[in-house]
């Protein structure tokens, strides 16, 4: 396995050679993913392992693994939540959409139109696909943000007037209840 991942290369020659790549990508190298995660002082890297080769039928394919721990915004409490991503890669390299339709179900198609691929973009695509649509903490690990507005529940103050619970000011409609009693 090689540690350096080139910006682009010919996947057919790489598959024929049986080359592999492994290493870590900085989050800044993945701008679409960086736009989704919460920035932190020490951003985690994305570990990858890619193996190019051919299967028993001669089909060019890529197998591998992508691992990351990404900080997203919890949609329940709006606090950061760490999401561990561990994605297995099984890609079939094809030249046309018709060839992609012939791939077995376990292979995701990568349509190579100009005999070059950008492996960093493919890794970023895979990470974006496996992120949860609605990131959130596990059940019971967060609570919704507190409401800053005073409660609308009514209570009685010492004089018997309606007031908002937790408030020392009279409820704005308390006078209406007094008017109603006079008309009865």
N, C-alpha and C. Protein backbone atom coordinates (compact mmCIF):
# COMPACT_ATOMS: atom_id res chain seq x y z
N UNK A 1 0.84 -1.19 0.00
CA UNK A 1 0.00 0.00 0.00
C UNK A 1 0.88 1.25 0.00
N UNK A 2 0.48 2.20 -0.79
CA UNK A 2 1.17 3.47 -0.86
C UNK A 2 0.50 4.45 0.09
N UNK A 3 1.26 5.33 0.69
CA UNK A 3 0.70 6.30 1.63
C UNK A 3 0.23 7.57 0.93
N UNK A 4 0.75 7.85 -0.26
CA UNK A 4 0.40 9.09 -0.95
C UNK A 4 -0.73 8.85 -1.93
N UNK A 5 -1.76 9.65 -1.81
CA UNK A 5 -2.91 9.56 -2.70
C UNK A 5 -2.80 10.67 -3.73
N UNK A 6 -2.62 10.34 -5.01
CA UNK A 6 -2.51 11.38 -6.03
C UNK A 6 -3.84 12.11 -6.23
N UNK A 7 -3.76 13.32 -6.78
CA UNK A 7 -4.97 14.10 -7.04
C UNK A 7 -5.86 13.42 -8.07
N UNK A 8 -5.27 12.84 -9.07
CA UNK A 8 -6.05 12.08 -10.06
C UNK A 8 -5.11 11.07 -10.72
N UNK A 9 -5.71 10.02 -11.26
CA UNK A 9 -4.91 9.00 -11.94
C UNK A 9 -5.81 8.17 -12.84
N UNK A 10 -5.19 7.33 -13.65
CA UNK A 10 -5.90 6.44 -14.55
C UNK A 10 -6.31 5.19 -13.75
N UNK A 11 -7.61 5.00 -13.51
CA UNK A 11 -8.03 3.86 -12.68
C UNK A 11 -7.83 2.51 -13.36
N UNK A 12 -7.84 2.48 -14.69
CA UNK A 12 -7.68 1.22 -15.41
C UNK A 12 -6.26 0.69 -15.23
N UNK A 13 -5.29 1.56 -15.37
CA UNK A 13 -3.89 1.15 -15.18
C UNK A 13 -3.64 0.78 -13.72
N UNK A 14 -4.26 1.55 -12.81
CA UNK A 14 -4.10 1.28 -11.38
C UNK A 14 -4.70 -0.07 -11.03
N UNK A 15 -5.86 -0.39 -11.60
CA UNK A 15 -6.49 -1.70 -11.35
C UNK A 15 -5.65 -2.83 -11.95
N UNK A 16 -5.11 -2.62 -13.15
CA UNK A 16 -4.26 -3.64 -13.77
C UNK A 16 -3.01 -3.90 -12.95
N UNK A 17 -2.50 -2.85 -12.29
CA UNK A 17 -1.29 -2.99 -11.48
C UNK A 17 -1.58 -3.50 -10.08
N UNK A 18 -2.84 -3.46 -9.66
CA UNK A 18 -3.21 -3.92 -8.32
C UNK A 18 -2.69 -3.01 -7.23
N UNK A 19 -2.64 -1.71 -7.50
CA UNK A 19 -2.11 -0.76 -6.53
C UNK A 19 -3.11 -0.47 -5.41
N UNK A 20 -2.59 -0.04 -4.29
CA UNK A 20 -3.42 0.34 -3.16
C UNK A 20 -2.89 1.61 -2.53
N UNK A 21 -3.76 2.31 -1.85
CA UNK A 21 -3.40 3.56 -1.18
C UNK A 21 -4.01 3.56 0.21
N UNK A 22 -3.29 4.11 1.16
CA UNK A 22 -3.85 4.27 2.50
C UNK A 22 -3.22 5.49 3.13
N UNK A 23 -3.92 6.07 4.06
CA UNK A 23 -3.41 7.26 4.74
C UNK A 23 -4.52 8.02 5.41
N UNK A 24 -4.24 9.29 5.64
CA UNK A 24 -5.20 10.17 6.31
C UNK A 24 -5.31 11.46 5.53
N UNK A 25 -6.53 11.92 5.34
CA UNK A 25 -6.80 13.21 4.69
C UNK A 25 -7.20 14.22 5.75
N UNK A 26 -6.69 15.43 5.63
CA UNK A 26 -7.11 16.51 6.51
C UNK A 26 -8.50 16.99 6.07
N UNK A 27 -9.26 17.46 7.02
CA UNK A 27 -10.62 17.93 6.72
C UNK A 27 -10.61 19.08 5.70
N UNK A 28 -9.58 19.88 5.70
CA UNK A 28 -9.51 21.01 4.74
C UNK A 28 -9.39 20.53 3.29
N UNK A 29 -8.99 19.27 3.09
CA UNK A 29 -8.90 18.70 1.75
C UNK A 29 -10.27 18.26 1.23
N UNK A 30 -11.26 18.28 2.10
CA UNK A 30 -12.62 17.85 1.76
C UNK A 30 -13.57 19.02 2.01
N UNK A 31 -13.60 20.02 1.15
CA UNK A 31 -14.36 21.25 1.43
C UNK A 31 -15.86 21.07 1.58
N UNK A 32 -16.47 20.15 0.83
CA UNK A 32 -17.92 19.94 0.97
C UNK A 32 -18.24 19.31 2.31
N UNK A 33 -17.41 18.41 2.78
CA UNK A 33 -17.60 17.79 4.08
C UNK A 33 -17.31 18.80 5.19
N UNK A 34 -16.27 19.60 5.01
CA UNK A 34 -15.90 20.62 6.01
C UNK A 34 -17.03 21.63 6.21
N UNK A 35 -17.82 21.87 5.17
CA UNK A 35 -18.93 22.81 5.28
C UNK A 35 -20.07 22.25 6.13
N UNK A 36 -20.11 20.94 6.32
CA UNK A 36 -21.19 20.30 7.07
C UNK A 36 -20.83 20.11 8.54
N UNK A 37 -19.56 19.88 8.82
CA UNK A 37 -19.15 19.60 10.20
C UNK A 37 -18.90 20.88 10.97
N UNK A 38 -18.91 20.76 12.30
CA UNK A 38 -18.64 21.90 13.17
C UNK A 38 -17.13 22.03 13.31
N UNK A 39 -16.65 23.23 13.12
CA UNK A 39 -15.21 23.48 13.23
C UNK A 39 -14.76 23.29 14.67
N UNK A 40 -13.56 22.76 14.83
CA UNK A 40 -12.98 22.61 16.15
C UNK A 40 -11.48 22.92 16.06
N UNK A 41 -10.85 23.11 17.21
CA UNK A 41 -9.44 23.48 17.24
C UNK A 41 -8.55 22.41 16.63
N UNK A 42 -8.84 21.17 16.89
CA UNK A 42 -8.03 20.06 16.41
C UNK A 42 -8.91 19.16 15.55
N UNK A 43 -9.16 19.56 14.26
CA UNK A 43 -10.07 18.77 13.45
C UNK A 43 -9.51 17.38 13.19
N UNK A 44 -10.38 16.38 13.29
CA UNK A 44 -9.92 15.01 13.06
C UNK A 44 -9.65 14.78 11.58
N UNK A 45 -8.83 13.83 11.29
CA UNK A 45 -8.57 13.46 9.91
C UNK A 45 -9.49 12.33 9.48
N UNK A 46 -9.47 12.05 8.22
CA UNK A 46 -10.26 10.97 7.64
C UNK A 46 -9.28 9.89 7.19
N UNK A 47 -9.38 8.72 7.77
CA UNK A 47 -8.51 7.60 7.39
C UNK A 47 -9.14 6.86 6.22
N UNK A 48 -8.30 6.44 5.29
CA UNK A 48 -8.81 5.71 4.13
C UNK A 48 -7.85 4.58 3.77
N UNK A 49 -8.41 3.59 3.10
CA UNK A 49 -7.65 2.49 2.51
C UNK A 49 -8.37 2.12 1.23
N UNK A 50 -7.67 2.21 0.10
CA UNK A 50 -8.24 1.87 -1.20
C UNK A 50 -7.37 0.82 -1.86
N UNK A 51 -7.97 -0.24 -2.37
CA UNK A 51 -7.27 -1.30 -3.10
C UNK A 51 -7.89 -1.44 -4.48
N UNK A 52 -7.08 -1.22 -5.51
CA UNK A 52 -7.54 -1.35 -6.89
C UNK A 52 -7.16 -2.74 -7.40
N UNK A 53 -8.02 -3.31 -8.22
CA UNK A 53 -7.73 -4.62 -8.78
C UNK A 53 -8.82 -5.05 -9.72
N UNK A 54 -8.79 -6.33 -10.05
CA UNK A 54 -9.80 -6.92 -10.93
C UNK A 54 -10.36 -8.16 -10.24
N UNK A 55 -11.66 -8.37 -10.42
CA UNK A 55 -12.26 -9.57 -9.83
C UNK A 55 -12.06 -10.76 -10.77
N UNK A 56 -12.65 -11.90 -10.43
CA UNK A 56 -12.44 -13.12 -11.21
C UNK A 56 -12.98 -13.03 -12.64
N UNK A 57 -13.91 -12.10 -12.89
CA UNK A 57 -14.44 -11.92 -14.24
C UNK A 57 -13.65 -10.88 -15.03
N UNK A 58 -12.64 -10.27 -14.41
CA UNK A 58 -11.83 -9.26 -15.09
C UNK A 58 -12.36 -7.85 -14.92
N UNK A 59 -13.41 -7.68 -14.12
CA UNK A 59 -14.01 -6.37 -13.90
C UNK A 59 -13.10 -5.53 -12.99
N UNK A 60 -12.82 -4.29 -13.40
CA UNK A 60 -12.02 -3.37 -12.57
C UNK A 60 -12.86 -2.92 -11.39
N UNK A 61 -12.24 -2.99 -10.22
CA UNK A 61 -12.98 -2.61 -9.02
C UNK A 61 -12.05 -2.00 -7.97
N UNK A 62 -12.69 -1.35 -7.00
CA UNK A 62 -11.99 -0.75 -5.88
C UNK A 62 -12.68 -1.22 -4.61
N UNK A 63 -11.89 -1.68 -3.65
CA UNK A 63 -12.42 -2.01 -2.34
C UNK A 63 -11.65 -1.20 -1.32
N UNK A 64 -12.24 -1.02 -0.17
CA UNK A 64 -11.54 -0.27 0.85
C UNK A 64 -12.40 0.10 2.02
N UNK A 65 -11.89 1.04 2.78
CA UNK A 65 -12.52 1.47 4.02
C UNK A 65 -12.26 2.96 4.21
N UNK A 66 -13.25 3.66 4.76
CA UNK A 66 -13.10 5.07 5.13
C UNK A 66 -13.59 5.20 6.56
N UNK A 67 -12.76 5.81 7.43
CA UNK A 67 -13.11 5.99 8.84
C UNK A 67 -12.91 7.44 9.23
N UNK A 68 -13.83 7.95 10.02
CA UNK A 68 -13.71 9.32 10.54
C UNK A 68 -14.61 9.47 11.76
N UNK A 69 -14.28 10.42 12.58
CA UNK A 69 -15.14 10.82 13.69
C UNK A 69 -15.44 12.29 13.46
N UNK A 70 -16.67 12.58 13.08
CA UNK A 70 -17.05 13.93 12.65
C UNK A 70 -17.97 14.58 13.67
N UNK A 71 -17.77 15.86 13.89
CA UNK A 71 -18.59 16.62 14.82
C UNK A 71 -19.65 17.38 14.03
N UNK A 72 -20.92 17.01 14.30
CA UNK A 72 -22.06 17.63 13.65
C UNK A 72 -22.94 18.30 14.69
N UNK A 73 -23.95 19.04 14.26
CA UNK A 73 -24.87 19.69 15.18
C UNK A 73 -26.06 18.77 15.43
N UNK A 74 -26.30 18.45 16.70
CA UNK A 74 -27.44 17.62 17.09
C UNK A 74 -28.72 18.41 16.77
N UNK A 75 -29.65 17.77 16.11
CA UNK A 75 -30.89 18.45 15.73
C UNK A 75 -31.93 18.46 16.84
N UNK A 76 -31.63 17.84 17.98
CA UNK A 76 -32.51 17.92 19.14
C UNK A 76 -32.12 19.08 20.04
N UNK A 77 -30.85 19.10 20.43
CA UNK A 77 -30.41 20.09 21.43
C UNK A 77 -29.51 21.17 20.83
N UNK A 78 -29.13 21.05 19.57
CA UNK A 78 -28.28 21.99 18.86
C UNK A 78 -26.85 22.06 19.40
N UNK A 79 -26.48 21.10 20.20
CA UNK A 79 -25.11 20.99 20.71
C UNK A 79 -24.33 20.05 19.80
N UNK A 80 -23.00 20.11 19.84
CA UNK A 80 -22.20 19.20 19.01
C UNK A 80 -22.41 17.73 19.40
N UNK A 81 -22.42 16.89 18.40
CA UNK A 81 -22.49 15.44 18.60
C UNK A 81 -21.43 14.82 17.69
N UNK A 82 -20.70 13.87 18.22
CA UNK A 82 -19.66 13.19 17.45
C UNK A 82 -20.27 11.95 16.79
N UNK A 83 -20.11 11.87 15.49
CA UNK A 83 -20.64 10.75 14.72
C UNK A 83 -19.45 9.96 14.17
N UNK A 84 -19.37 8.70 14.53
CA UNK A 84 -18.32 7.82 14.02
C UNK A 84 -18.77 7.25 12.68
N UNK A 85 -17.93 7.41 11.67
CA UNK A 85 -18.24 6.92 10.34
C UNK A 85 -17.24 5.82 10.00
N UNK A 86 -17.76 4.68 9.62
CA UNK A 86 -16.94 3.54 9.23
C UNK A 86 -17.61 2.93 8.00
N UNK A 87 -17.14 3.33 6.82
CA UNK A 87 -17.80 2.90 5.58
C UNK A 87 -16.92 1.94 4.80
N UNK A 88 -17.51 0.84 4.41
CA UNK A 88 -16.83 -0.12 3.51
C UNK A 88 -17.10 0.31 2.08
N UNK A 89 -16.07 0.24 1.27
CA UNK A 89 -16.19 0.65 -0.13
C UNK A 89 -16.10 -0.56 -1.04
N UNK A 90 -17.01 -0.66 -1.97
CA UNK A 90 -16.97 -1.68 -3.01
C UNK A 90 -17.50 -1.04 -4.28
N UNK A 91 -16.56 -0.57 -5.09
CA UNK A 91 -16.92 0.16 -6.30
C UNK A 91 -16.53 -0.65 -7.53
N UNK A 92 -17.39 -0.63 -8.51
CA UNK A 92 -17.09 -1.21 -9.82
C UNK A 92 -16.80 -0.07 -10.78
N UNK A 93 -15.68 -0.13 -11.46
CA UNK A 93 -15.31 0.91 -12.41
C UNK A 93 -15.87 0.57 -13.78
N UNK A 94 -16.65 1.49 -14.36
CA UNK A 94 -17.28 1.27 -15.65
C UNK A 94 -17.12 2.52 -16.51
N UNK A 95 -17.32 2.34 -17.82
CA UNK A 95 -17.17 3.46 -18.75
C UNK A 95 -18.51 4.12 -19.12
N UNK A 96 -19.62 3.40 -18.99
CA UNK A 96 -20.93 3.94 -19.38
C UNK A 96 -21.99 3.59 -18.35
N UNK A 97 -23.11 4.27 -18.46
CA UNK A 97 -24.26 3.98 -17.59
C UNK A 97 -24.81 2.58 -17.88
N UNK A 98 -24.74 2.14 -19.13
CA UNK A 98 -25.22 0.80 -19.48
C UNK A 98 -24.36 -0.25 -18.78
N UNK A 99 -23.04 -0.02 -18.72
CA UNK A 99 -22.15 -0.94 -18.01
C UNK A 99 -22.47 -0.94 -16.52
N UNK A 100 -22.83 0.22 -15.99
CA UNK A 100 -23.17 0.32 -14.56
C UNK A 100 -24.40 -0.53 -14.23
N UNK A 101 -25.34 -0.59 -15.15
CA UNK A 101 -26.55 -1.39 -14.93
C UNK A 101 -26.24 -2.88 -14.88
N UNK A 102 -25.12 -3.31 -15.46
CA UNK A 102 -24.74 -4.72 -15.49
C UNK A 102 -23.97 -5.16 -14.24
N UNK A 103 -23.60 -4.21 -13.37
CA UNK A 103 -22.83 -4.55 -12.16
C UNK A 103 -23.69 -5.31 -11.17
N UNK A 104 -23.08 -6.21 -10.40
CA UNK A 104 -23.85 -6.86 -9.33
C UNK A 104 -24.27 -5.84 -8.27
N UNK A 105 -25.30 -6.17 -7.53
CA UNK A 105 -25.86 -5.24 -6.54
C UNK A 105 -24.86 -4.82 -5.47
N UNK A 106 -23.89 -5.66 -5.14
CA UNK A 106 -22.96 -5.32 -4.07
C UNK A 106 -21.92 -4.28 -4.49
N UNK A 107 -21.83 -3.97 -5.78
CA UNK A 107 -20.87 -2.97 -6.26
C UNK A 107 -21.58 -1.67 -6.60
N UNK A 108 -21.06 -0.57 -6.07
CA UNK A 108 -21.53 0.75 -6.45
C UNK A 108 -20.76 1.18 -7.68
N UNK A 109 -21.45 1.69 -8.70
CA UNK A 109 -20.74 2.05 -9.93
C UNK A 109 -20.00 3.39 -9.82
N UNK A 110 -18.82 3.41 -10.39
CA UNK A 110 -18.08 4.65 -10.61
C UNK A 110 -17.90 4.75 -12.12
N UNK A 111 -18.61 5.70 -12.74
CA UNK A 111 -18.54 5.87 -14.18
C UNK A 111 -17.33 6.75 -14.48
N UNK A 112 -16.36 6.19 -15.20
CA UNK A 112 -15.13 6.88 -15.55
C UNK A 112 -15.24 7.28 -17.02
N UNK A 113 -15.41 8.58 -17.26
CA UNK A 113 -15.66 9.05 -18.62
C UNK A 113 -14.41 9.53 -19.34
N UNK A 114 -13.42 10.01 -18.62
CA UNK A 114 -12.24 10.56 -19.29
C UNK A 114 -10.94 9.87 -18.86
N UNK A 115 -11.05 8.63 -18.43
CA UNK A 115 -9.91 7.81 -18.00
C UNK A 115 -9.11 8.43 -16.87
N UNK A 116 -9.75 9.28 -16.07
CA UNK A 116 -9.14 9.86 -14.88
C UNK A 116 -10.18 9.87 -13.78
N UNK A 117 -9.75 9.62 -12.55
CA UNK A 117 -10.64 9.78 -11.40
C UNK A 117 -9.94 10.63 -10.36
N UNK A 118 -10.74 11.27 -9.53
CA UNK A 118 -10.25 12.06 -8.40
C UNK A 118 -10.60 11.27 -7.15
N UNK A 119 -9.65 10.54 -6.57
CA UNK A 119 -9.97 9.68 -5.44
C UNK A 119 -10.40 10.45 -4.19
N UNK A 120 -9.90 11.66 -4.03
CA UNK A 120 -10.29 12.46 -2.86
C UNK A 120 -11.77 12.83 -2.96
N UNK A 121 -12.23 13.20 -4.15
CA UNK A 121 -13.64 13.52 -4.34
C UNK A 121 -14.52 12.29 -4.11
N UNK A 122 -14.04 11.11 -4.52
CA UNK A 122 -14.81 9.88 -4.30
C UNK A 122 -14.93 9.57 -2.81
N UNK A 123 -13.85 9.76 -2.07
CA UNK A 123 -13.88 9.54 -0.62
C UNK A 123 -14.84 10.52 0.04
N UNK A 124 -14.77 11.78 -0.39
CA UNK A 124 -15.67 12.80 0.17
C UNK A 124 -17.13 12.48 -0.15
N UNK A 125 -17.40 12.04 -1.37
CA UNK A 125 -18.77 11.64 -1.74
C UNK A 125 -19.27 10.53 -0.83
N UNK A 126 -18.44 9.54 -0.58
CA UNK A 126 -18.85 8.41 0.25
C UNK A 126 -19.16 8.87 1.67
N UNK A 127 -18.33 9.75 2.22
CA UNK A 127 -18.58 10.26 3.57
C UNK A 127 -19.88 11.04 3.64
N UNK A 128 -20.15 11.87 2.65
CA UNK A 128 -21.39 12.64 2.63
C UNK A 128 -22.61 11.73 2.52
N UNK A 129 -22.46 10.62 1.82
CA UNK A 129 -23.58 9.70 1.66
C UNK A 129 -23.90 8.93 2.94
N UNK A 130 -22.90 8.66 3.78
CA UNK A 130 -23.15 7.85 4.97
C UNK A 130 -23.47 8.68 6.20
N UNK A 131 -23.38 10.02 6.11
CA UNK A 131 -23.75 10.85 7.25
C UNK A 131 -25.25 10.73 7.52
N UNK A 132 -25.65 10.78 8.78
CA UNK A 132 -27.09 10.73 9.06
C UNK A 132 -27.77 12.00 8.55
N UNK A 133 -28.98 11.84 8.06
CA UNK A 133 -29.75 12.98 7.56
C UNK A 133 -30.06 13.94 8.71
N UNK A 134 -30.39 13.37 9.87
CA UNK A 134 -30.71 14.16 11.05
C UNK A 134 -29.77 13.70 12.17
N UNK A 135 -28.61 14.36 12.29
CA UNK A 135 -27.70 13.94 13.36
C UNK A 135 -28.27 14.30 14.73
N UNK A 136 -28.10 13.39 15.69
CA UNK A 136 -28.58 13.66 17.04
C UNK A 136 -27.90 12.72 18.02
N UNK A 137 -27.91 13.14 19.27
CA UNK A 137 -27.39 12.29 20.33
C UNK A 137 -28.31 11.09 20.49
N UNK A 138 -27.83 10.06 21.19
CA UNK A 138 -28.67 8.92 21.50
C UNK A 138 -29.84 9.38 22.37
N UNK A 139 -30.93 8.65 22.31
CA UNK A 139 -32.13 8.98 23.09
C UNK A 139 -31.77 9.15 24.57
N UNK A 140 -32.21 10.24 25.15
CA UNK A 140 -31.97 10.50 26.57
C UNK A 140 -30.65 11.17 26.88
N UNK A 141 -29.81 11.40 25.89
CA UNK A 141 -28.50 12.02 26.13
C UNK A 141 -28.51 13.53 25.93
N UNK A 142 -29.60 14.07 25.48
CA UNK A 142 -29.69 15.53 25.33
C UNK A 142 -31.13 15.94 25.61
N UNK A 143 -31.31 17.22 25.81
CA UNK A 143 -32.67 17.73 25.99
C UNK A 143 -32.83 18.95 25.10
N UNK A 144 -34.04 19.22 24.70
CA UNK A 144 -34.27 20.37 23.84
C UNK A 144 -33.82 21.65 24.53
N UNK A 145 -33.38 22.62 23.75
CA UNK A 145 -32.96 23.87 24.37
C UNK A 145 -34.11 24.50 25.15
N UNK A 146 -33.82 25.13 26.29
CA UNK A 146 -34.84 25.76 27.13
C UNK A 146 -35.45 26.97 26.44
N UNK A 147 -36.69 27.20 26.75
CA UNK A 147 -37.37 28.36 26.19
C UNK A 147 -37.06 29.58 27.05
N UNK A 148 -36.74 30.66 26.42
CA UNK A 148 -36.42 31.89 27.14
C UNK A 148 -37.67 32.72 27.45
N UNK A 149 -38.76 32.45 26.74
CA UNK A 149 -39.98 33.22 26.95
C UNK A 149 -40.64 32.79 28.27
N UNK A 150 -41.30 33.71 28.98
CA UNK A 150 -41.96 33.33 30.22
C UNK A 150 -43.09 32.36 29.94
N UNK A 151 -43.40 31.54 30.92
CA UNK A 151 -44.45 30.54 30.79
C UNK A 151 -45.80 31.22 30.62
N UNK A 152 -46.67 30.59 29.87
CA UNK A 152 -47.99 31.15 29.65
C UNK A 152 -49.01 30.59 30.63
N UNK A 153 -48.58 29.75 31.55
CA UNK A 153 -49.50 29.21 32.54
C UNK A 153 -49.87 30.30 33.53
N UNK A 154 -51.12 30.30 33.93
CA UNK A 154 -51.58 31.33 34.87
C UNK A 154 -51.58 30.80 36.29
N UNK A 155 -51.27 31.67 37.17
CA UNK A 155 -51.34 31.37 38.59
C UNK A 155 -51.98 32.56 39.28
N UNK A 156 -52.19 32.48 40.58
CA UNK A 156 -52.77 33.59 41.35
C UNK A 156 -51.69 34.18 42.24
N UNK A 157 -51.61 35.49 42.25
CA UNK A 157 -50.66 36.12 43.18
C UNK A 157 -51.35 36.27 44.54
N UNK A 158 -50.68 36.90 45.49
CA UNK A 158 -51.21 37.01 46.86
C UNK A 158 -52.50 37.82 46.91
N UNK A 159 -52.73 38.71 45.94
CA UNK A 159 -53.94 39.52 45.92
C UNK A 159 -55.07 38.82 45.16
N UNK A 160 -54.77 37.63 44.60
CA UNK A 160 -55.81 36.90 43.88
C UNK A 160 -55.86 37.23 42.42
N UNK A 161 -54.93 38.08 41.92
CA UNK A 161 -54.92 38.43 40.49
C UNK A 161 -54.18 37.35 39.70
N UNK A 162 -54.57 37.22 38.46
CA UNK A 162 -53.89 36.28 37.58
C UNK A 162 -52.50 36.80 37.23
N UNK A 163 -51.51 35.96 37.32
CA UNK A 163 -50.15 36.31 36.92
C UNK A 163 -49.55 35.13 36.18
N UNK A 164 -48.54 35.42 35.41
CA UNK A 164 -47.81 34.34 34.75
C UNK A 164 -46.97 33.64 35.79
N UNK A 165 -46.95 32.30 35.73
CA UNK A 165 -46.17 31.54 36.69
C UNK A 165 -44.70 31.92 36.53
N UNK A 166 -44.03 32.15 37.64
CA UNK A 166 -42.63 32.52 37.60
C UNK A 166 -42.43 33.99 37.31
N UNK A 167 -43.47 34.78 37.33
CA UNK A 167 -43.36 36.19 37.03
C UNK A 167 -44.03 36.99 38.15
N UNK A 168 -43.49 38.15 38.46
CA UNK A 168 -44.08 39.01 39.47
C UNK A 168 -45.03 40.04 38.86
N UNK A 169 -45.09 40.09 37.54
CA UNK A 169 -45.97 41.07 36.88
C UNK A 169 -47.31 40.43 36.62
N UNK A 170 -48.38 41.20 36.67
CA UNK A 170 -49.70 40.64 36.39
C UNK A 170 -49.80 40.19 34.95
N UNK A 171 -50.61 39.20 34.74
CA UNK A 171 -50.85 38.71 33.39
C UNK A 171 -51.55 39.82 32.61
N UNK A 172 -51.19 40.06 31.35
CA UNK A 172 -51.77 41.19 30.60
C UNK A 172 -53.28 41.09 30.40
N UNK A 173 -53.85 39.90 30.46
CA UNK A 173 -55.29 39.77 30.28
C UNK A 173 -56.03 39.58 31.59
N UNK A 174 -55.35 39.78 32.70
CA UNK A 174 -55.99 39.61 34.00
C UNK A 174 -57.15 40.57 34.17
N UNK A 175 -57.05 41.76 33.61
CA UNK A 175 -58.14 42.74 33.74
C UNK A 175 -59.42 42.25 33.06
N UNK A 176 -59.26 41.45 31.99
CA UNK A 176 -60.44 40.94 31.30
C UNK A 176 -61.24 39.98 32.20
N UNK A 177 -60.55 39.20 33.00
CA UNK A 177 -61.30 38.32 33.89
C UNK A 177 -62.07 39.12 34.91
N UNK A 178 -61.53 40.27 35.32
CA UNK A 178 -62.25 41.14 36.24
C UNK A 178 -63.48 41.75 35.57
N UNK A 179 -63.38 42.14 34.32
CA UNK A 179 -64.52 42.68 33.58
C UNK A 179 -65.61 41.64 33.40
N UNK A 180 -65.21 40.44 33.17
CA UNK A 180 -66.18 39.39 32.97
C UNK A 180 -67.00 39.15 34.22
N UNK A 181 -66.33 39.22 35.39
CA UNK A 181 -67.06 39.02 36.64
C UNK A 181 -68.07 40.14 36.90
N UNK A 182 -67.74 41.38 36.48
CA UNK A 182 -68.66 42.50 36.69
C UNK A 182 -69.89 42.42 35.78
N UNK A 183 -69.75 41.81 34.63
CA UNK A 183 -70.90 41.76 33.73
C UNK A 183 -71.86 40.63 34.08
N UNK A 184 -71.44 39.70 34.91
CA UNK A 184 -72.31 38.59 35.31
C UNK A 184 -73.30 38.96 36.35
